[in-house]
Amino acid sequence: MVELSMIVSVLMVIISVIIIVKFFQIAADVRVIKNSLTAEEKENPSNSTVDDTKDTSFKVGSHIVEKKTEKQMRIMSIDEKSGKFACSNNNGFTTIHLKEDEIELFETYVKNLKK
């Protein structure tokens, strides 16, 4: 019985050491990613500041709000012929086609809420 408890104890110590080593590896990876992101922001500072004169054109992948229902969606595609935007909710199951005057950018929507 003592031998079994010794084996289990040794296994628990080994597993604990492996978990600690993995934790420090993950922490190092996160540090590398953080440093690369901050270096990228330093190289391109225009992304980090909010500019009220920025282009408000809708692009594929833009986070938008339908004005009528205030539903948040993303633009999945743009129909060049009709000028309508194929918008989908976050789960991607429902897609509706909306005109440019029926939607607004999420950032603009939030700014208008604060006023």
PDB file of N, CA and C in Angstrom:
ATOM      1  N   MET A   1       0.812  -1.187   0.000  1.00  0.00           N
ATOM      2  CA  MET A   1       0.000   0.000   0.000  1.00  0.00           C
ATOM      3  C   MET A   1       0.863   1.261   0.000  1.00  0.00           C
ATOM      4  N   VAL A   2       1.934   1.225   0.740  1.00  0.00           N
ATOM      5  CA  VAL A   2       2.853   2.353   0.800  1.00  0.00           C
ATOM      6  C   VAL A   2       3.511   2.553  -0.564  1.00  0.00           C
ATOM      7  N   GLU A   3       3.815   1.459  -1.232  1.00  0.00           N
ATOM      8  CA  GLU A   3       4.446   1.550  -2.551  1.00  0.00           C
ATOM      9  C   GLU A   3       3.524   2.221  -3.554  1.00  0.00           C
ATOM     10  N   LEU A   4       2.259   1.906  -3.511  1.00  0.00           N
ATOM     11  CA  LEU A   4       1.275   2.512  -4.407  1.00  0.00           C
ATOM     12  C   LEU A   4       1.165   4.009  -4.147  1.00  0.00           C
ATOM     13  N   SER A   5       1.137   4.412  -2.910  1.00  0.00           N
ATOM     14  CA  SER A   5       1.055   5.836  -2.588  1.00  0.00           C
ATOM     15  C   SER A   5       2.331   6.570  -3.000  1.00  0.00           C
ATOM     16  N   MET A   6       3.473   5.914  -2.918  1.00  0.00           N
ATOM     17  CA  MET A   6       4.732   6.514  -3.371  1.00  0.00           C
ATOM     18  C   MET A   6       4.721   6.708  -4.890  1.00  0.00           C
ATOM     19  N   ILE A   7       4.238   5.728  -5.617  1.00  0.00           N
ATOM     20  CA  ILE A   7       4.166   5.823  -7.081  1.00  0.00           C
ATOM     21  C   ILE A   7       3.228   6.956  -7.493  1.00  0.00           C
ATOM     22  N   VAL A   8       2.071   7.033  -6.845  1.00  0.00           N
ATOM     23  CA  VAL A   8       1.113   8.100  -7.147  1.00  0.00           C
ATOM     24  C   VAL A   8       1.725   9.459  -6.810  1.00  0.00           C
ATOM     25  N   SER A   9       2.436   9.566  -5.703  1.00  0.00           N
ATOM     26  CA  SER A   9       3.073  10.827  -5.307  1.00  0.00           C
ATOM     27  C   SER A   9       4.123  11.259  -6.320  1.00  0.00           C
ATOM     28  N   VAL A  10       4.939  10.323  -6.782  1.00  0.00           N
ATOM     29  CA  VAL A  10       5.968  10.632  -7.775  1.00  0.00           C
ATOM     30  C   VAL A  10       5.318  11.089  -9.077  1.00  0.00           C
ATOM     31  N   LEU A  11       4.260  10.414  -9.487  1.00  0.00           N
ATOM     32  CA  LEU A  11       3.551  10.814 -10.706  1.00  0.00           C
ATOM     33  C   LEU A  11       2.952  12.215 -10.574  1.00  0.00           C
ATOM     34  N   MET A  12       2.401  12.520  -9.438  1.00  0.00           N
ATOM     35  CA  MET A  12       1.823  13.845  -9.213  1.00  0.00           C
ATOM     36  C   MET A  12       2.899  14.934  -9.266  1.00  0.00           C
ATOM     37  N   VAL A  13       4.059  14.661  -8.718  1.00  0.00           N
ATOM     38  CA  VAL A  13       5.163  15.624  -8.756  1.00  0.00           C
ATOM     39  C   VAL A  13       5.620  15.840 -10.199  1.00  0.00           C
ATOM     40  N   ILE A  14       5.743  14.777 -10.968  1.00  0.00           N
ATOM     41  CA  ILE A  14       6.168  14.878 -12.365  1.00  0.00           C
ATOM     42  C   ILE A  14       5.150  15.688 -13.174  1.00  0.00           C
ATOM     43  N   ILE A  15       3.877  15.397 -12.980  1.00  0.00           N
ATOM     44  CA  ILE A  15       2.832  16.124 -13.702  1.00  0.00           C
ATOM     45  C   ILE A  15       2.829  17.596 -13.298  1.00  0.00           C
ATOM     46  N   SER A  16       3.034  17.890 -12.042  1.00  0.00           N
ATOM     47  CA  SER A  16       3.087  19.277 -11.572  1.00  0.00           C
ATOM     48  C   SER A  16       4.242  20.034 -12.216  1.00  0.00           C
ATOM     49  N   VAL A  17       5.396  19.396 -12.298  1.00  0.00           N
ATOM     50  CA  VAL A  17       6.555  20.030 -12.926  1.00  0.00           C
ATOM     51  C   VAL A  17       6.273  20.302 -14.401  1.00  0.00           C
ATOM     52  N   ILE A  18       5.664  19.365 -15.091  1.00  0.00           N
ATOM     53  CA  ILE A  18       5.329  19.555 -16.509  1.00  0.00           C
ATOM     54  C   ILE A  18       4.358  20.720 -16.676  1.00  0.00           C
ATOM     55  N   ILE A  19       3.363  20.817 -15.822  1.00  0.00           N
ATOM     56  CA  ILE A  19       2.388  21.905 -15.909  1.00  0.00           C
ATOM     57  C   ILE A  19       3.057  23.253 -15.662  1.00  0.00           C
ATOM     58  N   ILE A  20       3.958  23.329 -14.700  1.00  0.00           N
ATOM     59  CA  ILE A  20       4.660  24.581 -14.420  1.00  0.00           C
ATOM     60  C   ILE A  20       5.521  24.997 -15.602  1.00  0.00           C
ATOM     61  N   VAL A  21       6.237  24.049 -16.192  1.00  0.00           N
ATOM     62  CA  VAL A  21       7.072  24.360 -17.360  1.00  0.00           C
ATOM     63  C   VAL A  21       6.210  24.855 -18.511  1.00  0.00           C
ATOM     64  N   LYS A  22       5.074  24.203 -18.764  1.00  0.00           N
ATOM     65  CA  LYS A  22       4.172  24.634 -19.843  1.00  0.00           C
ATOM     66  C   LYS A  22       3.631  26.028 -19.581  1.00  0.00           C
ATOM     67  N   PHE A  23       3.319  26.328 -18.326  1.00  0.00           N
ATOM     68  CA  PHE A  23       2.823  27.651 -17.972  1.00  0.00           C
ATOM     69  C   PHE A  23       3.846  28.726 -18.329  1.00  0.00           C
ATOM     70  N   PHE A  24       5.101  28.504 -17.995  1.00  0.00           N
ATOM     71  CA  PHE A  24       6.129  29.483 -18.307  1.00  0.00           C
ATOM     72  C   PHE A  24       6.367  29.601 -19.821  1.00  0.00           C
ATOM     73  N   GLN A  25       6.223  28.518 -20.556  1.00  0.00           N
ATOM     74  CA  GLN A  25       6.324  28.592 -22.013  1.00  0.00           C
ATOM     75  C   GLN A  25       5.201  29.437 -22.593  1.00  0.00           C
ATOM     76  N   ILE A  26       3.996  29.247 -22.090  1.00  0.00           N
ATOM     77  CA  ILE A  26       2.859  30.038 -22.565  1.00  0.00           C
ATOM     78  C   ILE A  26       3.065  31.509 -22.230  1.00  0.00           C
ATOM     79  N   ALA A  27       3.546  31.800 -21.032  1.00  0.00           N
ATOM     80  CA  ALA A  27       3.798  33.182 -20.630  1.00  0.00           C
ATOM     81  C   ALA A  27       4.840  33.833 -21.537  1.00  0.00           C
ATOM     82  N   ALA A  28       5.870  33.089 -21.913  1.00  0.00           N
ATOM     83  CA  ALA A  28       6.887  33.616 -22.819  1.00  0.00           C
ATOM     84  C   ALA A  28       6.291  33.891 -24.202  1.00  0.00           C
ATOM     85  N   ASP A  29       5.427  32.995 -24.682  1.00  0.00           N
ATOM     86  CA  ASP A  29       4.779  33.200 -25.980  1.00  0.00           C
ATOM     87  C   ASP A  29       3.894  34.442 -25.966  1.00  0.00           C
ATOM     88  N   VAL A  30       3.165  34.632 -24.886  1.00  0.00           N
ATOM     89  CA  VAL A  30       2.307  35.813 -24.769  1.00  0.00           C
ATOM     90  C   VAL A  30       3.155  37.080 -24.754  1.00  0.00           C
ATOM     91  N   ARG A  31       4.277  37.046 -24.079  1.00  0.00           N
ATOM     92  CA  ARG A  31       5.161  38.197 -24.032  1.00  0.00           C
ATOM     93  C   ARG A  31       5.689  38.531 -25.434  1.00  0.00           C
ATOM     94  N   VAL A  32       6.039  37.524 -26.211  1.00  0.00           N
ATOM     95  CA  VAL A  32       6.524  37.751 -27.578  1.00  0.00           C
ATOM     96  C   VAL A  32       5.423  38.370 -28.430  1.00  0.00           C
ATOM     97  N   ILE A  33       4.214  37.855 -28.313  1.00  0.00           N
ATOM     98  CA  ILE A  33       3.097  38.393 -29.087  1.00  0.00           C
ATOM     99  C   ILE A  33       2.818  39.838 -28.681  1.00  0.00           C
ATOM    100  N   LYS A  34       2.834  40.117 -27.386  1.00  0.00           N
ATOM    101  CA  LYS A  34       2.594  41.473 -26.908  1.00  0.00           C
ATOM    102  C   LYS A  34       3.657  42.426 -27.431  1.00  0.00           C
ATOM    103  N   ASN A  35       4.914  42.015 -27.388  1.00  0.00           N
ATOM    104  CA  ASN A  35       5.995  42.871 -27.882  1.00  0.00           C
ATOM    105  C   ASN A  35       5.868  43.127 -29.377  1.00  0.00           C
ATOM    106  N   SER A  36       5.477  42.117 -30.137  1.00  0.00           N
ATOM    107  CA  SER A  36       5.332  42.323 -31.582  1.00  0.00           C
ATOM    108  C   SER A  36       4.160  43.246 -31.891  1.00  0.00           C
ATOM    109  N   LEU A  37       3.086  43.160 -31.101  1.00  0.00           N
ATOM    110  CA  LEU A  37       1.945  44.051 -31.321  1.00  0.00           C
ATOM    111  C   LEU A  37       2.279  45.490 -30.954  1.00  0.00           C
ATOM    112  N   THR A  38       2.995  45.695 -29.869  1.00  0.00           N
ATOM    113  CA  THR A  38       3.351  47.062 -29.500  1.00  0.00           C
ATOM    114  C   THR A  38       4.358  47.640 -30.488  1.00  0.00           C
ATOM    115  N   ALA A  39       5.241  46.824 -31.017  1.00  0.00           N
ATOM    116  CA  ALA A  39       6.183  47.305 -32.035  1.00  0.00           C
ATOM    117  C   ALA A  39       5.430  47.694 -33.299  1.00  0.00           C
ATOM    118  N   GLU A  40       4.401  46.925 -33.645  1.00  0.00           N
ATOM    119  CA  GLU A  40       3.596  47.227 -34.824  1.00  0.00           C
ATOM    120  C   GLU A  40       2.828  48.531 -34.636  1.00  0.00           C
ATOM    121  N   GLU A  41       2.329  48.785 -33.435  1.00  0.00           N
ATOM    122  CA  GLU A  41       1.617  50.031 -33.161  1.00  0.00           C
ATOM    123  C   GLU A  41       2.564  51.226 -33.221  1.00  0.00           C
ATOM    124  N   LYS A  42       3.807  51.027 -32.794  1.00  0.00           N
ATOM    125  CA  LYS A  42       4.769  52.123 -32.855  1.00  0.00           C
ATOM    126  C   LYS A  42       5.119  52.459 -34.295  1.00  0.00           C
ATOM    127  N   GLU A  43       5.169  51.448 -35.158  1.00  0.00           N
ATOM    128  CA  GLU A  43       5.474  51.681 -36.561  1.00  0.00           C
ATOM    129  C   GLU A  43       4.312  52.339 -37.286  1.00  0.00           C
ATOM    130  N   ASN A  44       3.086  52.000 -36.895  1.00  0.00           N
ATOM    131  CA  ASN A  44       1.895  52.509 -37.565  1.00  0.00           C
ATOM    132  C   ASN A  44       0.967  53.142 -36.533  1.00  0.00           C
ATOM    133  N   PRO A  45       1.265  54.355 -36.068  1.00  0.00           N
ATOM    134  CA  PRO A  45       0.472  54.955 -34.996  1.00  0.00           C
ATOM    135  C   PRO A  45      -0.913  55.411 -35.432  1.00  0.00           C
ATOM    136  N   SER A  46      -1.195  55.481 -36.723  1.00  0.00           N
ATOM    137  CA  SER A  46      -2.497  55.954 -37.186  1.00  0.00           C
ATOM    138  C   SER A  46      -3.629  55.017 -36.781  1.00  0.00           C
ATOM    139  N   ASN A  47      -3.341  53.720 -36.573  1.00  0.00           N
ATOM    140  CA  ASN A  47      -4.382  52.784 -36.169  1.00  0.00           C
ATOM    141  C   ASN A  47      -4.787  52.954 -34.715  1.00  0.00           C
ATOM    142  N   SER A  48      -3.904  53.472 -33.878  1.00  0.00           N
ATOM    143  CA  SER A  48      -4.186  53.528 -32.453  1.00  0.00           C
ATOM    144  C   SER A  48      -4.973  54.762 -32.049  1.00  0.00           C
ATOM    145  N   THR A  49      -5.017  55.802 -32.897  1.00  0.00           N
ATOM    146  CA  THR A  49      -5.757  57.007 -32.557  1.00  0.00           C
ATOM    147  C   THR A  49      -7.087  57.031 -33.285  1.00  0.00           C
ATOM    148  N   VAL A  50      -8.091  57.582 -32.620  1.00  0.00           N
ATOM    149  CA  VAL A  50      -9.409  57.694 -33.224  1.00  0.00           C
ATOM    150  C   VAL A  50      -9.487  59.024 -33.940  1.00  0.00           C
ATOM    151  N   ASP A  51      -9.871  58.996 -35.198  1.00  0.00           N
ATOM    152  CA  ASP A  51      -9.950  60.191 -36.018  1.00  0.00           C
ATOM    153  C   ASP A  51     -11.391  60.364 -36.473  1.00  0.00           C
ATOM    154  N   ASP A  52     -12.008  61.502 -36.160  1.00  0.00           N
ATOM    155  CA  ASP A  52     -13.396  61.730 -36.550  1.00  0.00           C
ATOM    156  C   ASP A  52     -13.551  61.953 -38.043  1.00  0.00           C
ATOM    157  N   THR A  53     -12.476  62.271 -38.753  1.00  0.00           N
ATOM    158  CA  THR A  53     -12.558  62.515 -40.180  1.00  0.00           C
ATOM    159  C   THR A  53     -12.234  61.272 -41.002  1.00  0.00           C
ATOM    160  N   LYS A  54     -12.203  60.108 -40.361  1.00  0.00           N
ATOM    161  CA  LYS A  54     -11.829  58.895 -41.084  1.00  0.00           C
ATOM    162  C   LYS A  54     -12.916  58.499 -42.077  1.00  0.00           C
ATOM    163  N   ASP A  55     -12.546  57.707 -43.038  1.00  0.00           N
ATOM    164  CA  ASP A  55     -13.464  57.251 -44.077  1.00  0.00           C
ATOM    165  C   ASP A  55     -14.521  56.343 -43.459  1.00  0.00           C
ATOM    166  N   THR A  56     -15.787  56.666 -43.704  1.00  0.00           N
ATOM    167  CA  THR A  56     -16.868  55.880 -43.122  1.00  0.00           C
ATOM    168  C   THR A  56     -17.466  54.921 -44.143  1.00  0.00           C
ATOM    169  N   SER A  57     -16.734  54.610 -45.188  1.00  0.00           N
ATOM    170  CA  SER A  57     -17.274  53.682 -46.173  1.00  0.00           C
ATOM    171  C   SER A  57     -17.342  52.277 -45.587  1.00  0.00           C
ATOM    172  N   PHE A  58     -18.342  51.540 -46.007  1.00  0.00           N
ATOM    173  CA  PHE A  58     -18.557  50.195 -45.509  1.00  0.00           C
ATOM    174  C   PHE A  58     -17.696  49.220 -46.298  1.00  0.00           C
ATOM    175  N   LYS A  59     -17.068  48.307 -45.594  1.00  0.00           N
ATOM    176  CA  LYS A  59     -16.202  47.310 -46.217  1.00  0.00           C
ATOM    177  C   LYS A  59     -16.608  45.937 -45.736  1.00  0.00           C
ATOM    178  N   VAL A  60     -16.208  44.914 -46.469  1.00  0.00           N
ATOM    179  CA  VAL A  60     -16.474  43.542 -46.042  1.00  0.00           C
ATOM    180  C   VAL A  60     -15.767  43.306 -44.716  1.00  0.00           C
ATOM    181  N   GLY A  61     -16.516  42.789 -43.742  1.00  0.00           N
ATOM    182  CA  GLY A  61     -15.986  42.548 -42.418  1.00  0.00           C
ATOM    183  C   GLY A  61     -16.262  43.661 -41.433  1.00  0.00           C
ATOM    184  N   SER A  62     -16.818  44.791 -41.909  1.00  0.00           N
ATOM    185  CA  SER A  62     -17.122  45.900 -41.010  1.00  0.00           C
ATOM    186  C   SER A  62     -18.218  45.516 -40.032  1.00  0.00           C
ATOM    187  N   HIS A  63     -18.077  45.976 -38.822  1.00  0.00           N
ATOM    188  CA  HIS A  63     -19.074  45.751 -37.772  1.00  0.00           C
ATOM    189  C   HIS A  63     -20.099  46.870 -37.900  1.00  0.00           C
ATOM    190  N   ILE A  64     -21.358  46.510 -38.166  1.00  0.00           N
ATOM    191  CA  ILE A  64     -22.385  47.502 -38.428  1.00  0.00           C
ATOM    192  C   ILE A  64     -23.594  47.262 -37.533  1.00  0.00           C
ATOM    193  N   VAL A  65     -24.513  48.248 -37.550  1.00  0.00           N
ATOM    194  CA  VAL A  65     -25.773  48.158 -36.821  1.00  0.00           C
ATOM    195  C   VAL A  65     -26.887  48.490 -37.795  1.00  0.00           C
ATOM    196  N   GLU A  66     -27.920  47.643 -37.821  1.00  0.00           N
ATOM    197  CA  GLU A  66     -29.105  47.956 -38.624  1.00  0.00           C
ATOM    198  C   GLU A  66     -29.876  49.032 -37.875  1.00  0.00           C
ATOM    199  N   LYS A  67     -30.159  50.160 -38.544  1.00  0.00           N
ATOM    200  CA  LYS A  67     -30.779  51.296 -37.881  1.00  0.00           C
ATOM    201  C   LYS A  67     -32.170  50.967 -37.351  1.00  0.00           C
ATOM    202  N   LYS A  68     -32.950  50.223 -38.115  1.00  0.00           N
ATOM    203  CA  LYS A  68     -34.343  49.970 -37.739  1.00  0.00           C
ATOM    204  C   LYS A  68     -34.452  49.097 -36.489  1.00  0.00           C
ATOM    205  N   THR A  69     -33.688  48.025 -36.423  1.00  0.00           N
ATOM    206  CA  THR A  69     -33.800  47.069 -35.313  1.00  0.00           C
ATOM    207  C   THR A  69     -32.664  47.174 -34.300  1.00  0.00           C
ATOM    208  N   GLU A  70     -31.634  47.946 -34.616  1.00  0.00           N
ATOM    209  CA  GLU A  70     -30.440  48.103 -33.790  1.00  0.00           C
ATOM    210  C   GLU A  70     -29.716  46.775 -33.560  1.00  0.00           C
ATOM    211  N   LYS A  71     -29.796  45.854 -34.533  1.00  0.00           N
ATOM    212  CA  LYS A  71     -29.078  44.583 -34.456  1.00  0.00           C
ATOM    213  C   LYS A  71     -27.647  44.786 -34.925  1.00  0.00           C
ATOM    214  N   GLN A  72     -26.728  44.178 -34.212  1.00  0.00           N
ATOM    215  CA  GLN A  72     -25.325  44.241 -34.606  1.00  0.00           C
ATOM    216  C   GLN A  72     -25.035  43.120 -35.591  1.00  0.00           C
ATOM    217  N   MET A  73     -24.323  43.439 -36.662  1.00  0.00           N
ATOM    218  CA  MET A  73     -23.992  42.456 -37.698  1.00  0.00           C
ATOM    219  C   MET A  73     -22.625  42.762 -38.283  1.00  0.00           C
ATOM    220  N   ARG A  74     -22.215  41.885 -39.169  1.00  0.00           N
ATOM    221  CA  ARG A  74     -20.996  42.087 -39.954  1.00  0.00           C
ATOM    222  C   ARG A  74     -21.363  42.032 -41.428  1.00  0.00           C
ATOM    223  N   ILE A  75     -20.659  42.816 -42.227  1.00  0.00           N
ATOM    224  CA  ILE A  75     -20.866  42.790 -43.669  1.00  0.00           C
ATOM    225  C   ILE A  75     -20.110  41.595 -44.226  1.00  0.00           C
ATOM    226  N   MET A  76     -20.847  40.691 -44.873  1.00  0.00           N
ATOM    227  CA  MET A  76     -20.244  39.484 -45.423  1.00  0.00           C
ATOM    228  C   MET A  76     -19.813  39.686 -46.876  1.00  0.00           C
ATOM    229  N   SER A  77     -20.632  40.425 -47.646  1.00  0.00           N
ATOM    230  CA  SER A  77     -20.286  40.709 -49.038  1.00  0.00           C
ATOM    231  C   SER A  77     -21.064  41.936 -49.497  1.00  0.00           C
ATOM    232  N   ILE A  78     -20.639  42.478 -50.637  1.00  0.00           N
ATOM    233  CA  ILE A  78     -21.287  43.651 -51.209  1.00  0.00           C
ATOM    234  C   ILE A  78     -21.686  43.321 -52.637  1.00  0.00           C
ATOM    235  N   ASP A  79     -22.962  43.518 -52.957  1.00  0.00           N
ATOM    236  CA  ASP A  79     -23.460  43.285 -54.311  1.00  0.00           C
ATOM    237  C   ASP A  79     -23.227  44.558 -55.115  1.00  0.00           C
ATOM    238  N   GLU A  80     -22.346  44.499 -56.086  1.00  0.00           N
ATOM    239  CA  GLU A  80     -21.976  45.685 -56.861  1.00  0.00           C
ATOM    240  C   GLU A  80     -23.140  46.208 -57.701  1.00  0.00           C
ATOM    241  N   LYS A  81     -23.976  45.315 -58.224  1.00  0.00           N
ATOM    242  CA  LYS A  81     -25.080  45.732 -59.097  1.00  0.00           C
ATOM    243  C   LYS A  81     -26.157  46.483 -58.327  1.00  0.00           C
ATOM    244  N   SER A  82     -26.637  45.903 -57.242  1.00  0.00           N
ATOM    245  CA  SER A  82     -27.736  46.522 -56.497  1.00  0.00           C
ATOM    246  C   SER A  82     -27.234  47.497 -55.433  1.00  0.00           C
ATOM    247  N   GLY A  83     -25.982  47.403 -55.055  1.00  0.00           N
ATOM    248  CA  GLY A  83     -25.435  48.265 -54.024  1.00  0.00           C
ATOM    249  C   GLY A  83     -25.847  47.849 -52.630  1.00  0.00           C
ATOM    250  N   LYS A  84     -26.393  46.648 -52.490  1.00  0.00           N
ATOM    251  CA  LYS A  84     -26.824  46.165 -51.181  1.00  0.00           C
ATOM    252  C   LYS A  84     -25.692  45.401 -50.501  1.00  0.00           C
ATOM    253  N   PHE A  85     -25.777  45.386 -49.186  1.00  0.00           N
ATOM    254  CA  PHE A  85     -24.782  44.711 -48.369  1.00  0.00           C
ATOM    255  C   PHE A  85     -25.397  43.446 -47.794  1.00  0.00           C
ATOM    256  N   ALA A  86     -24.705  42.312 -47.965  1.00  0.00           N
ATOM    257  CA  ALA A  86     -25.139  41.062 -47.345  1.00  0.00           C
ATOM    258  C   ALA A  86     -24.575  41.048 -45.938  1.00  0.00           C
ATOM    259  N   CYS A  87     -25.464  41.180 -44.948  1.00  0.00           N
ATOM    260  CA  CYS A  87     -25.050  41.286 -43.555  1.00  0.00           C
ATOM    261  C   CYS A  87     -25.499  40.055 -42.793  1.00  0.00           C
ATOM    262  N   SER A  88     -24.657  39.614 -41.883  1.00  0.00           N
ATOM    263  CA  SER A  88     -24.952  38.413 -41.117  1.00  0.00           C
ATOM    264  C   SER A  88     -24.724  38.687 -39.649  1.00  0.00           C
ATOM    265  N   ASN A  89     -25.536  38.024 -38.809  1.00  0.00           N
ATOM    266  CA  ASN A  89     -25.320  38.157 -37.371  1.00  0.00           C
ATOM    267  C   ASN A  89     -24.067  37.391 -36.990  1.00  0.00           C
ATOM    268  N   ASN A  90     -23.687  37.453 -35.755  1.00  0.00           N
ATOM    269  CA  ASN A  90     -22.407  36.883 -35.328  1.00  0.00           C
ATOM    270  C   ASN A  90     -22.302  35.384 -35.507  1.00  0.00           C
ATOM    271  N   ASN A  91     -23.423  34.650 -35.426  1.00  0.00           N
ATOM    272  CA  ASN A  91     -23.308  33.202 -35.597  1.00  0.00           C
ATOM    273  C   ASN A  91     -23.273  32.801 -37.064  1.00  0.00           C
ATOM    274  N   GLY A  92     -23.596  33.713 -37.978  1.00  0.00           N
ATOM    275  CA  GLY A  92     -23.462  33.454 -39.403  1.00  0.00           C
ATOM    276  C   GLY A  92     -24.591  32.676 -40.021  1.00  0.00           C
ATOM    277  N   PHE A  93     -25.648  32.386 -39.279  1.00  0.00           N
ATOM    278  CA  PHE A  93     -26.740  31.593 -39.824  1.00  0.00           C
ATOM    279  C   PHE A  93     -27.732  32.431 -40.622  1.00  0.00           C
ATOM    280  N   THR A  94     -27.947  33.665 -40.218  1.00  0.00           N
ATOM    281  CA  THR A  94     -28.934  34.521 -40.851  1.00  0.00           C
ATOM    282  C   THR A  94     -28.231  35.593 -41.658  1.00  0.00           C
ATOM    283  N   THR A  95     -28.609  35.719 -42.923  1.00  0.00           N
ATOM    284  CA  THR A  95     -28.039  36.753 -43.777  1.00  0.00           C
ATOM    285  C   THR A  95     -29.175  37.569 -44.367  1.00  0.00           C
ATOM    286  N   ILE A  96     -29.066  38.894 -44.247  1.00  0.00           N
ATOM    287  CA  ILE A  96     -30.055  39.775 -44.863  1.00  0.00           C
ATOM    288  C   ILE A  96     -29.324  40.786 -45.728  1.00  0.00           C
ATOM    289  N   HIS A  97     -30.039  41.334 -46.701  1.00  0.00           N
ATOM    290  CA  HIS A  97     -29.459  42.307 -47.627  1.00  0.00           C
ATOM    291  C   HIS A  97     -30.025  43.674 -47.300  1.00  0.00           C
ATOM    292  N   LEU A  98     -29.140  44.621 -47.034  1.00  0.00           N
ATOM    293  CA  LEU A  98     -29.549  45.952 -46.619  1.00  0.00           C
ATOM    294  C   LEU A  98     -28.894  47.006 -47.492  1.00  0.00           C
ATOM    295  N   LYS A  99     -29.591  48.141 -47.644  1.00  0.00           N
ATOM    296  CA  LYS A  99     -29.042  49.273 -48.380  1.00  0.00           C
ATOM    297  C   LYS A  99     -28.160  50.092 -47.451  1.00  0.00           C
ATOM    298  N   GLU A 100     -27.369  50.988 -48.047  1.00  0.00           N
ATOM    299  CA  GLU A 100     -26.421  51.780 -47.267  1.00  0.00           C
ATOM    300  C   GLU A 100     -27.130  52.696 -46.277  1.00  0.00           C
ATOM    301  N   ASP A 101     -28.317  53.205 -46.616  1.00  0.00           N
ATOM    302  CA  ASP A 101     -29.014  54.100 -45.702  1.00  0.00           C
ATOM    303  C   ASP A 101     -29.713  53.359 -44.560  1.00  0.00           C
ATOM    304  N   GLU A 102     -29.726  52.026 -44.578  1.00  0.00           N
ATOM    305  CA  GLU A 102     -30.351  51.229 -43.530  1.00  0.00           C
ATOM    306  C   GLU A 102     -29.369  50.768 -42.458  1.00  0.00           C
ATOM    307  N   ILE A 103     -28.077  51.031 -42.683  1.00  0.00           N
ATOM    308  CA  ILE A 103     -27.056  50.581 -41.739  1.00  0.00           C
ATOM    309  C   ILE A 103     -26.144  51.736 -41.369  1.00  0.00           C
ATOM    310  N   GLU A 104     -25.439  51.566 -40.250  1.00  0.00           N
ATOM    311  CA  GLU A 104     -24.399  52.516 -39.875  1.00  0.00           C
ATOM    312  C   GLU A 104     -23.280  51.761 -39.169  1.00  0.00           C
ATOM    313  N   LEU A 105     -22.089  52.309 -39.261  1.00  0.00           N
ATOM    314  CA  LEU A 105     -20.946  51.674 -38.622  1.00  0.00           C
ATOM    315  C   LEU A 105     -21.163  51.617 -37.110  1.00  0.00           C
ATOM    316  N   PHE A 106     -20.683  50.565 -36.493  1.00  0.00           N
ATOM    317  CA  PHE A 106     -20.863  50.373 -35.062  1.00  0.00           C
ATOM    318  C   PHE A 106     -20.215  51.506 -34.277  1.00  0.00           C
ATOM    319  N   GLU A 107     -19.041  51.975 -34.707  1.00  0.00           N
ATOM    320  CA  GLU A 107     -18.361  53.058 -34.009  1.00  0.00           C
ATOM    321  C   GLU A 107     -19.212  54.320 -34.014  1.00  0.00           C
ATOM    322  N   THR A 108     -19.845  54.612 -35.152  1.00  0.00           N
ATOM    323  CA  THR A 108     -20.712  55.785 -35.253  1.00  0.00           C
ATOM    324  C   THR A 108     -21.933  55.630 -34.368  1.00  0.00           C
ATOM    325  N   TYR A 109     -22.486  54.430 -34.332  1.00  0.00           N
ATOM    326  CA  TYR A 109     -23.639  54.137 -33.495  1.00  0.00           C
ATOM    327  C   TYR A 109     -23.311  54.372 -32.022  1.00  0.00           C
ATOM    328  N   VAL A 110     -22.158  53.917 -31.581  1.00  0.00           N
ATOM    329  CA  VAL A 110     -21.759  54.090 -30.185  1.00  0.00           C
ATOM    330  C   VAL A 110     -21.536  55.564 -29.862  1.00  0.00           C
ATOM    331  N   LYS A 111     -20.911  56.316 -30.778  1.00  0.00           N
ATOM    332  CA  LYS A 111     -20.700  57.738 -30.548  1.00  0.00           C
ATOM    333  C   LYS A 111     -22.029  58.467 -30.409  1.00  0.00           C
ATOM    334  N   ASN A 112     -23.014  58.107 -31.230  1.00  0.00           N
ATOM    335  CA  ASN A 112     -24.328  58.742 -31.159  1.00  0.00           C
ATOM    336  C   ASN A 112     -25.055  58.383 -29.870  1.00  0.00           C
ATOM    337  N   LEU A 113     -24.809  57.213 -29.323  1.00  0.00           N
ATOM    338  CA  LEU A 113     -25.434  56.830 -28.053  1.00  0.00           C
ATOM    339  C   LEU A 113     -24.916  57.671 -26.899  1.00  0.00           C
ATOM    340  N   LYS A 114     -23.633  58.028 -26.951  1.00  0.00           N
ATOM    341  CA  LYS A 114     -23.020  58.780 -25.860  1.00  0.00           C
ATOM    342  C   LYS A 114     -23.464  60.233 -25.824  1.00  0.00           C
ATOM    343  N   LYS A 115     -24.007  60.742 -26.943  1.00  0.00           N
ATOM    344  CA  LYS A 115     -24.416  62.160 -27.007  1.00  0.00           C
ATOM    345  C   LYS A 115     -25.698  62.403 -26.284  1.00  0.00           C
TER     346      LYS A 115
END
